[in-house]
N, C-alpha and C. Protein backbone atom coordinates (compact mmCIF):
# COMPACT_ATOMS: atom_id res chain seq x y z
N TYR A 1 88.30 108.55 87.27
CA TYR A 1 87.22 108.18 86.38
C TYR A 1 86.18 107.39 87.16
N SER A 2 84.94 107.56 86.77
CA SER A 2 83.85 106.92 87.50
C SER A 2 83.79 105.43 87.21
N PHE A 3 83.06 104.73 88.06
CA PHE A 3 82.84 103.30 87.86
C PHE A 3 82.20 103.06 86.49
N LYS A 4 81.24 103.87 86.16
CA LYS A 4 80.52 103.72 84.88
C LYS A 4 81.47 103.86 83.69
N GLN A 5 82.37 104.85 83.75
CA GLN A 5 83.33 105.05 82.66
C GLN A 5 84.31 103.88 82.56
N LYS A 6 84.78 103.40 83.69
CA LYS A 6 85.72 102.28 83.68
C LYS A 6 85.04 101.03 83.13
N LYS A 7 83.83 100.78 83.57
CA LYS A 7 83.08 99.60 83.12
C LYS A 7 82.84 99.68 81.60
N TRP A 8 82.48 100.86 81.12
CA TRP A 8 82.27 101.06 79.69
C TRP A 8 83.56 100.79 78.93
N ALA A 9 84.66 101.35 79.41
CA ALA A 9 85.95 101.18 78.75
C ALA A 9 86.34 99.71 78.67
N VAL A 10 86.21 99.00 79.77
CA VAL A 10 86.56 97.58 79.80
C VAL A 10 85.66 96.80 78.85
N GLY A 11 84.37 97.11 78.87
CA GLY A 11 83.42 96.43 77.97
C GLY A 11 83.77 96.64 76.51
N GLN A 12 84.10 97.88 76.14
CA GLN A 12 84.46 98.19 74.76
C GLN A 12 85.72 97.44 74.34
N TYR A 13 86.68 97.40 75.23
CA TYR A 13 87.95 96.75 74.91
C TYR A 13 87.78 95.23 74.79
N LEU A 14 87.09 94.63 75.76
CA LEU A 14 86.95 93.17 75.77
C LEU A 14 86.06 92.66 74.63
N SER A 15 85.10 93.49 74.21
CA SER A 15 84.25 93.08 73.09
C SER A 15 84.89 93.44 71.75
N GLU A 16 86.08 94.00 71.81
CA GLU A 16 86.86 94.38 70.63
C GLU A 16 86.16 95.41 69.76
N ASN A 17 85.31 96.22 70.38
CA ASN A 17 84.65 97.32 69.66
C ASN A 17 85.62 98.47 69.44
N MET A 18 86.53 98.69 70.40
CA MET A 18 87.47 99.80 70.33
C MET A 18 88.82 99.37 70.89
N SER A 19 89.86 100.02 70.41
CA SER A 19 91.20 99.77 70.95
C SER A 19 91.38 100.61 72.20
N ALA A 20 92.43 100.32 72.94
CA ALA A 20 92.73 101.10 74.14
C ALA A 20 92.99 102.56 73.79
N VAL A 21 93.63 102.80 72.65
CA VAL A 21 93.90 104.17 72.20
C VAL A 21 92.59 104.91 71.92
N GLU A 22 91.67 104.24 71.22
CA GLU A 22 90.38 104.88 70.90
C GLU A 22 89.58 105.17 72.17
N ILE A 23 89.58 104.23 73.08
CA ILE A 23 88.86 104.42 74.35
C ILE A 23 89.46 105.60 75.11
N ALA A 24 90.77 105.65 75.19
CA ALA A 24 91.44 106.74 75.90
C ALA A 24 91.08 108.09 75.27
N ARG A 25 91.04 108.15 73.96
CA ARG A 25 90.65 109.40 73.29
C ARG A 25 89.23 109.80 73.66
N ARG A 26 88.31 108.82 73.65
CA ARG A 26 86.90 109.11 73.97
C ARG A 26 86.74 109.63 75.39
N LEU A 27 87.62 109.16 76.28
CA LEU A 27 87.55 109.59 77.68
C LEU A 27 88.46 110.80 77.95
N ASN A 28 89.01 111.36 76.89
CA ASN A 28 89.91 112.52 77.01
C ASN A 28 91.10 112.24 77.93
N MET A 29 91.65 111.05 77.80
CA MET A 29 92.83 110.67 78.59
C MET A 29 94.07 110.99 77.77
N PRO A 30 95.07 111.58 78.38
CA PRO A 30 96.24 112.02 77.62
C PRO A 30 97.12 110.87 77.11
N GLY A 31 97.48 110.93 75.85
CA GLY A 31 98.46 110.09 75.18
C GLY A 31 98.67 108.68 75.66
N LYS A 32 99.94 108.33 75.82
CA LYS A 32 100.33 106.98 76.21
C LYS A 32 99.76 106.60 77.57
N TYR A 33 99.66 107.58 78.48
CA TYR A 33 99.09 107.30 79.80
C TYR A 33 97.67 106.75 79.65
N GLY A 34 96.88 107.35 78.80
CA GLY A 34 95.50 106.92 78.63
C GLY A 34 95.40 105.49 78.15
N ARG A 35 96.18 105.16 77.13
CA ARG A 35 96.18 103.80 76.61
C ARG A 35 96.60 102.81 77.69
N ASP A 36 97.67 103.15 78.40
CA ASP A 36 98.16 102.26 79.46
C ASP A 36 97.12 102.10 80.57
N GLN A 37 96.45 103.18 80.94
CA GLN A 37 95.45 103.12 82.01
C GLN A 37 94.28 102.22 81.61
N VAL A 38 93.85 102.29 80.37
CA VAL A 38 92.76 101.43 79.90
C VAL A 38 93.17 99.97 80.02
N THR A 39 94.39 99.64 79.61
CA THR A 39 94.82 98.24 79.71
C THR A 39 94.97 97.79 81.16
N VAL A 40 95.35 98.71 82.04
CA VAL A 40 95.40 98.39 83.47
C VAL A 40 94.00 98.04 83.97
N TRP A 41 93.01 98.84 83.61
CA TRP A 41 91.62 98.55 84.03
C TRP A 41 91.18 97.19 83.51
N VAL A 42 91.53 96.87 82.29
CA VAL A 42 91.13 95.58 81.70
C VAL A 42 91.75 94.43 82.49
N HIS A 43 93.06 94.52 82.75
CA HIS A 43 93.73 93.45 83.50
C HIS A 43 93.18 93.34 84.92
N GLN A 44 92.92 94.47 85.54
CA GLN A 44 92.37 94.46 86.89
C GLN A 44 90.98 93.81 86.88
N TYR A 45 90.20 94.15 85.91
CA TYR A 45 88.85 93.58 85.80
C TYR A 45 88.93 92.07 85.60
N GLN A 46 89.83 91.64 84.73
CA GLN A 46 89.96 90.21 84.46
C GLN A 46 90.42 89.45 85.70
N SER A 47 91.21 90.08 86.55
CA SER A 47 91.71 89.42 87.75
C SER A 47 90.74 89.49 88.91
N ASN A 48 90.10 90.62 89.09
CA ASN A 48 89.32 90.84 90.30
C ASN A 48 87.94 91.44 90.05
N GLN A 49 87.48 91.41 88.84
CA GLN A 49 86.17 91.89 88.44
C GLN A 49 85.89 93.30 88.95
N ASP A 50 84.70 93.53 89.46
CA ASP A 50 84.25 94.88 89.78
C ASP A 50 84.96 95.52 90.97
N VAL A 51 85.65 94.73 91.79
CA VAL A 51 86.32 95.29 92.96
C VAL A 51 87.31 96.38 92.56
N PHE A 52 88.06 96.12 91.49
CA PHE A 52 89.07 97.08 91.07
C PHE A 52 88.49 98.29 90.37
N LEU A 53 87.36 98.13 89.75
CA LEU A 53 86.80 99.24 88.99
C LEU A 53 86.09 100.26 89.86
N SER A 54 85.70 99.86 91.05
CA SER A 54 85.02 100.81 91.93
C SER A 54 86.05 101.70 92.60
N ASN A 55 85.62 102.87 93.00
CA ASN A 55 86.51 103.80 93.69
C ASN A 55 86.57 103.44 95.16
N ALA A 56 87.77 103.39 95.72
CA ALA A 56 87.94 103.03 97.12
C ALA A 56 87.40 104.14 98.02
N LYS A 57 86.74 103.73 99.09
CA LYS A 57 86.22 104.70 100.05
C LYS A 57 87.24 105.00 101.14
N HIS A 58 88.19 104.09 101.35
CA HIS A 58 89.24 104.28 102.34
C HIS A 58 90.42 103.39 102.00
N ASN A 59 91.52 103.61 102.66
CA ASN A 59 92.72 102.82 102.41
C ASN A 59 92.57 101.41 102.98
N ALA A 60 93.24 100.48 102.35
CA ALA A 60 93.18 99.09 102.78
C ALA A 60 94.20 98.83 103.89
N HIS A 61 93.96 97.78 104.67
CA HIS A 61 94.87 97.37 105.73
C HIS A 61 95.78 96.26 105.20
N TYR A 62 97.07 96.43 105.37
CA TYR A 62 98.03 95.40 104.99
C TYR A 62 98.99 95.19 106.15
N SER A 63 99.11 93.96 106.59
CA SER A 63 100.01 93.67 107.70
C SER A 63 101.46 93.65 107.20
N LYS A 64 102.37 93.79 108.14
CA LYS A 64 103.80 93.73 107.84
C LYS A 64 104.13 92.38 107.20
N GLU A 65 103.56 91.31 107.73
CA GLU A 65 103.83 89.96 107.21
C GLU A 65 103.35 89.81 105.78
N PHE A 66 102.18 90.37 105.49
CA PHE A 66 101.64 90.30 104.14
C PHE A 66 102.55 91.05 103.16
N LYS A 67 102.98 92.25 103.56
CA LYS A 67 103.87 93.05 102.70
C LYS A 67 105.16 92.28 102.42
N GLU A 68 105.71 91.66 103.46
CA GLU A 68 106.95 90.90 103.28
C GLU A 68 106.75 89.71 102.34
N LYS A 69 105.61 89.05 102.44
CA LYS A 69 105.30 87.93 101.56
C LYS A 69 105.26 88.38 100.10
N VAL A 70 104.59 89.49 99.84
CA VAL A 70 104.48 90.01 98.48
C VAL A 70 105.85 90.44 97.96
N VAL A 71 106.62 91.13 98.79
CA VAL A 71 107.96 91.58 98.39
C VAL A 71 108.83 90.38 98.05
N GLN A 72 108.82 89.35 98.89
CA GLN A 72 109.65 88.17 98.64
C GLN A 72 109.25 87.47 97.34
N GLU A 73 107.96 87.43 97.10
CA GLU A 73 107.48 86.81 95.86
C GLU A 73 108.00 87.60 94.65
N TYR A 74 108.01 88.91 94.76
CA TYR A 74 108.54 89.74 93.68
C TYR A 74 110.04 89.53 93.52
N LEU A 75 110.78 89.56 94.63
CA LEU A 75 112.23 89.43 94.58
C LEU A 75 112.68 88.05 94.08
N ASN A 76 111.85 87.04 94.30
CA ASN A 76 112.16 85.70 93.80
C ASN A 76 111.99 85.60 92.29
N GLY A 77 111.46 86.66 91.68
CA GLY A 77 111.30 86.68 90.23
C GLY A 77 110.11 85.91 89.72
N ASN A 78 109.19 85.55 90.62
CA ASN A 78 108.04 84.76 90.21
C ASN A 78 106.95 85.57 89.53
N SER A 79 106.89 86.87 89.85
CA SER A 79 105.78 87.68 89.35
C SER A 79 106.20 89.13 89.17
N SER A 80 105.47 89.82 88.32
CA SER A 80 105.69 91.26 88.13
C SER A 80 104.92 92.04 89.19
N LEU A 81 105.24 93.31 89.31
CA LEU A 81 104.51 94.17 90.25
C LEU A 81 103.02 94.13 89.93
N PHE A 82 102.70 94.24 88.66
CA PHE A 82 101.32 94.27 88.23
C PHE A 82 100.59 92.96 88.55
N SER A 83 101.23 91.83 88.26
CA SER A 83 100.56 90.55 88.51
C SER A 83 100.38 90.30 90.00
N LEU A 84 101.34 90.75 90.82
CA LEU A 84 101.19 90.60 92.27
C LEU A 84 100.04 91.46 92.80
N ALA A 85 99.93 92.67 92.29
CA ALA A 85 98.82 93.54 92.69
C ALA A 85 97.50 92.88 92.35
N ASN A 86 97.39 92.33 91.16
CA ASN A 86 96.15 91.66 90.76
C ASN A 86 95.90 90.40 91.59
N LYS A 87 96.93 89.61 91.78
CA LYS A 87 96.79 88.35 92.52
C LYS A 87 96.27 88.56 93.93
N TYR A 88 96.78 89.61 94.61
CA TYR A 88 96.43 89.82 96.00
C TYR A 88 95.39 90.91 96.23
N GLY A 89 94.80 91.42 95.15
CA GLY A 89 93.75 92.43 95.32
C GLY A 89 94.26 93.77 95.80
N ILE A 90 95.49 94.11 95.45
CA ILE A 90 96.07 95.41 95.80
C ILE A 90 95.72 96.36 94.66
N ARG A 91 95.16 97.50 94.98
CA ARG A 91 94.59 98.37 93.96
C ARG A 91 95.60 98.91 92.96
N SER A 92 96.87 99.02 93.32
CA SER A 92 97.84 99.63 92.42
C SER A 92 99.18 98.90 92.48
N ARG A 93 99.78 98.72 91.33
CA ARG A 93 101.12 98.12 91.30
C ARG A 93 102.14 99.05 91.96
N ASN A 94 101.81 100.36 92.02
CA ASN A 94 102.70 101.31 92.68
C ASN A 94 102.82 101.02 94.18
N THR A 95 101.77 100.48 94.77
CA THR A 95 101.82 100.11 96.18
C THR A 95 102.86 99.02 96.39
N VAL A 96 102.83 98.01 95.53
CA VAL A 96 103.81 96.93 95.61
C VAL A 96 105.21 97.49 95.36
N PHE A 97 105.34 98.38 94.40
CA PHE A 97 106.63 99.00 94.10
C PHE A 97 107.19 99.74 95.32
N ARG A 98 106.33 100.47 96.04
CA ARG A 98 106.78 101.18 97.25
C ARG A 98 107.27 100.21 98.31
N TRP A 99 106.55 99.08 98.47
CA TRP A 99 106.98 98.08 99.46
C TRP A 99 108.35 97.52 99.10
N VAL A 100 108.55 97.21 97.82
CA VAL A 100 109.83 96.66 97.37
C VAL A 100 110.93 97.70 97.55
N SER A 101 110.65 98.94 97.20
CA SER A 101 111.64 100.02 97.36
C SER A 101 112.04 100.20 98.82
N LYS A 102 111.06 100.17 99.71
CA LYS A 102 111.38 100.28 101.14
C LYS A 102 112.25 99.11 101.58
N TYR A 103 111.86 97.91 101.17
CA TYR A 103 112.63 96.72 101.54
C TYR A 103 114.07 96.85 101.06
N ASN A 104 114.25 97.24 99.80
CA ASN A 104 115.59 97.37 99.23
C ASN A 104 116.39 98.50 99.87
N SER A 105 115.71 99.46 100.47
CA SER A 105 116.38 100.58 101.15
C SER A 105 116.53 100.31 102.64
N HIS A 106 116.18 99.09 103.07
CA HIS A 106 116.26 98.68 104.48
C HIS A 106 115.36 99.54 105.37
N ILE A 107 114.20 99.91 104.83
CA ILE A 107 113.20 100.64 105.60
C ILE A 107 112.10 99.65 105.93
N ASP A 108 111.67 99.65 107.17
CA ASP A 108 110.67 98.70 107.65
C ASP A 108 109.30 98.96 107.01
N ASN A 109 108.72 97.93 106.42
CA ASN A 109 107.34 97.99 105.93
C ASN A 109 106.42 97.65 107.11
N ARG A 110 106.00 98.68 107.82
CA ARG A 110 105.20 98.46 109.03
C ARG A 110 103.77 98.08 108.71
N ASP A 111 103.08 97.55 109.74
CA ASP A 111 101.64 97.33 109.62
C ASP A 111 100.98 98.65 109.31
N TYR A 112 99.91 98.58 108.56
CA TYR A 112 99.14 99.79 108.28
C TYR A 112 97.68 99.47 108.52
N ASP A 113 97.11 100.14 109.49
CA ASP A 113 95.71 99.95 109.81
C ASP A 113 95.05 101.33 109.77
N PRO A 114 94.42 101.64 108.64
CA PRO A 114 93.88 103.00 108.48
C PRO A 114 92.70 103.26 109.40
N HIS A 115 92.61 104.47 109.85
CA HIS A 115 91.47 104.94 110.61
C HIS A 115 90.87 106.11 109.83
N PRO A 116 90.00 105.83 108.84
CA PRO A 116 89.52 106.91 107.98
C PRO A 116 88.86 108.04 108.78
N GLU A 117 88.23 107.69 109.88
CA GLU A 117 87.56 108.73 110.66
C GLU A 117 88.55 109.72 111.25
N VAL A 118 89.77 109.29 111.49
CA VAL A 118 90.80 110.18 112.02
C VAL A 118 91.28 111.13 110.93
N HIS A 119 91.46 110.60 109.71
CA HIS A 119 91.94 111.43 108.61
C HIS A 119 90.89 112.41 108.11
N MET A 120 89.66 112.02 108.18
CA MET A 120 88.61 112.78 107.53
C MET A 120 87.98 113.86 108.40
N THR A 121 88.18 113.80 109.68
CA THR A 121 87.50 114.75 110.55
C THR A 121 88.28 116.03 110.71
N LYS A 122 87.55 117.06 111.04
CA LYS A 122 88.19 118.31 111.42
C LYS A 122 88.58 118.14 112.89
N ALA A 123 89.18 119.17 113.44
CA ALA A 123 89.61 119.08 114.83
C ALA A 123 88.44 118.64 115.70
N ARG A 124 88.65 117.59 116.47
CA ARG A 124 87.58 117.07 117.32
C ARG A 124 87.38 117.96 118.55
N ARG A 125 88.46 118.57 118.97
CA ARG A 125 88.39 119.41 120.16
C ARG A 125 89.57 120.37 120.13
N LYS A 126 89.46 121.40 120.89
CA LYS A 126 90.58 122.35 121.02
C LYS A 126 91.61 121.74 121.96
N THR A 127 92.87 121.97 121.66
CA THR A 127 93.93 121.48 122.53
C THR A 127 94.75 122.66 123.03
N THR A 128 95.25 122.51 124.24
CA THR A 128 96.12 123.55 124.80
C THR A 128 97.53 123.32 124.30
N GLN A 129 98.39 124.29 124.52
CA GLN A 129 99.78 124.16 124.10
C GLN A 129 100.46 122.99 124.81
N SER A 130 100.20 122.84 126.10
CA SER A 130 100.84 121.72 126.83
C SER A 130 100.32 120.38 126.32
N GLU A 131 99.03 120.30 125.94
CA GLU A 131 98.51 119.05 125.36
C GLU A 131 99.18 118.76 124.02
N ARG A 132 99.36 119.80 123.22
CA ARG A 132 99.99 119.61 121.91
C ARG A 132 101.43 119.11 122.07
N ILE A 133 102.13 119.61 123.06
CA ILE A 133 103.50 119.15 123.33
C ILE A 133 103.48 117.67 123.70
N LYS A 134 102.54 117.29 124.56
CA LYS A 134 102.41 115.88 124.97
C LYS A 134 102.06 115.01 123.76
N ILE A 135 101.19 115.50 122.89
CA ILE A 135 100.80 114.75 121.69
C ILE A 135 102.01 114.55 120.78
N VAL A 136 102.76 115.60 120.56
CA VAL A 136 103.94 115.51 119.69
C VAL A 136 104.98 114.56 120.28
N GLN A 137 105.21 114.64 121.59
CA GLN A 137 106.18 113.74 122.22
C GLN A 137 105.75 112.29 122.07
N TYR A 138 104.47 112.03 122.28
CA TYR A 138 103.96 110.67 122.11
C TYR A 138 104.18 110.20 120.67
N CYS A 139 103.86 111.06 119.72
CA CYS A 139 103.99 110.72 118.30
C CYS A 139 105.44 110.38 117.96
N ILE A 140 106.38 111.18 118.40
CA ILE A 140 107.80 110.95 118.13
C ILE A 140 108.25 109.64 118.78
N ASN A 141 107.81 109.39 119.99
CA ASN A 141 108.21 108.17 120.72
C ASN A 141 107.57 106.90 120.17
N HIS A 142 106.58 107.06 119.31
CA HIS A 142 105.89 105.90 118.72
C HIS A 142 106.07 105.88 117.20
N ASN A 143 107.30 106.08 116.77
CA ASN A 143 107.68 105.98 115.36
C ASN A 143 106.88 106.87 114.43
N LYS A 144 106.52 108.04 114.92
CA LYS A 144 105.79 109.03 114.12
C LYS A 144 104.50 108.45 113.53
N ASN A 145 103.82 107.65 114.32
CA ASN A 145 102.56 107.06 113.89
C ASN A 145 101.43 108.07 114.16
N TYR A 146 101.21 108.94 113.18
CA TYR A 146 100.25 110.03 113.33
C TYR A 146 98.82 109.54 113.53
N THR A 147 98.46 108.49 112.82
CA THR A 147 97.10 107.97 112.92
C THR A 147 96.81 107.45 114.31
N GLU A 148 97.73 106.63 114.84
CA GLU A 148 97.57 106.10 116.20
C GLU A 148 97.52 107.24 117.22
N THR A 149 98.37 108.22 117.03
CA THR A 149 98.43 109.35 117.94
C THR A 149 97.11 110.12 117.94
N ALA A 150 96.58 110.38 116.75
CA ALA A 150 95.32 111.11 116.64
C ALA A 150 94.19 110.35 117.30
N ALA A 151 94.16 109.04 117.11
CA ALA A 151 93.11 108.22 117.73
C ALA A 151 93.25 108.21 119.25
N LYS A 152 94.48 108.07 119.75
CA LYS A 152 94.71 108.01 121.20
C LYS A 152 94.32 109.30 121.91
N PHE A 153 94.63 110.44 121.31
CA PHE A 153 94.39 111.73 121.95
C PHE A 153 93.08 112.39 121.50
N ASN A 154 92.29 111.66 120.71
CA ASN A 154 91.00 112.17 120.24
C ASN A 154 91.15 113.55 119.59
N CYS A 155 92.14 113.64 118.71
CA CYS A 155 92.35 114.88 117.97
C CYS A 155 92.41 114.52 116.49
N SER A 156 92.40 115.51 115.64
CA SER A 156 92.44 115.23 114.21
C SER A 156 93.85 114.81 113.79
N TYR A 157 93.94 114.18 112.65
CA TYR A 157 95.21 113.78 112.07
C TYR A 157 96.09 115.01 111.90
N GLN A 158 95.50 116.10 111.45
CA GLN A 158 96.26 117.34 111.24
C GLN A 158 96.85 117.86 112.55
N GLN A 159 96.08 117.75 113.65
CA GLN A 159 96.60 118.19 114.94
C GLN A 159 97.77 117.33 115.37
N SER A 160 97.72 116.05 115.09
CA SER A 160 98.79 115.16 115.55
C SER A 160 100.06 115.33 114.72
N THR A 161 99.94 115.86 113.50
CA THR A 161 101.11 116.03 112.66
C THR A 161 101.67 117.44 112.68
N ALA A 162 100.84 118.42 112.96
CA ALA A 162 101.25 119.81 112.86
C ALA A 162 102.41 120.16 113.77
N GLY A 163 102.31 119.78 115.03
CA GLY A 163 103.36 120.12 115.97
C GLY A 163 104.67 119.44 115.65
N HIS A 164 104.60 118.18 115.23
CA HIS A 164 105.81 117.41 114.94
C HIS A 164 106.56 118.02 113.76
N LYS A 165 105.85 118.46 112.76
CA LYS A 165 106.50 118.99 111.57
C LYS A 165 107.16 120.33 111.84
N ASN A 166 106.76 120.98 112.90
CA ASN A 166 107.36 122.26 113.24
C ASN A 166 108.56 122.13 114.18
N ILE A 167 108.81 120.92 114.65
CA ILE A 167 109.93 120.72 115.60
C ILE A 167 111.21 120.49 114.83
């Protein structure tokens, strides 16, 4: 949904002109999901104003330490997934849920530093078969960090992942 639609929905709800159900119907949002989504927008707006209502242009960077801090706060029972997302400016409570799930499954929540230019570009250059083998080996040896691999070898994200997935 556009920024304009989200802003309108939040305005209608906060001014008590319409309920979340009525707003969801007007925006052609399906059933319970629609009502819940409207209330999520309202809570996000109340916590972080327009930042949450705008559409993200790229993924956010979260350090390993930050993820661990948020997970520990959740596990200590101090806050819900939703309140932690709002408190720390995380766009979705599902992001916090994934971090907690990884932690509980003993999977490392690594640093994440997005390189949108790597994900968004088409192949930057043609690669030979021997180059692709070298790229795949590097990727495997560096914890399957496709983004880092693509940036290092000046190739697209798709090129850095394609060979590995076929091995």
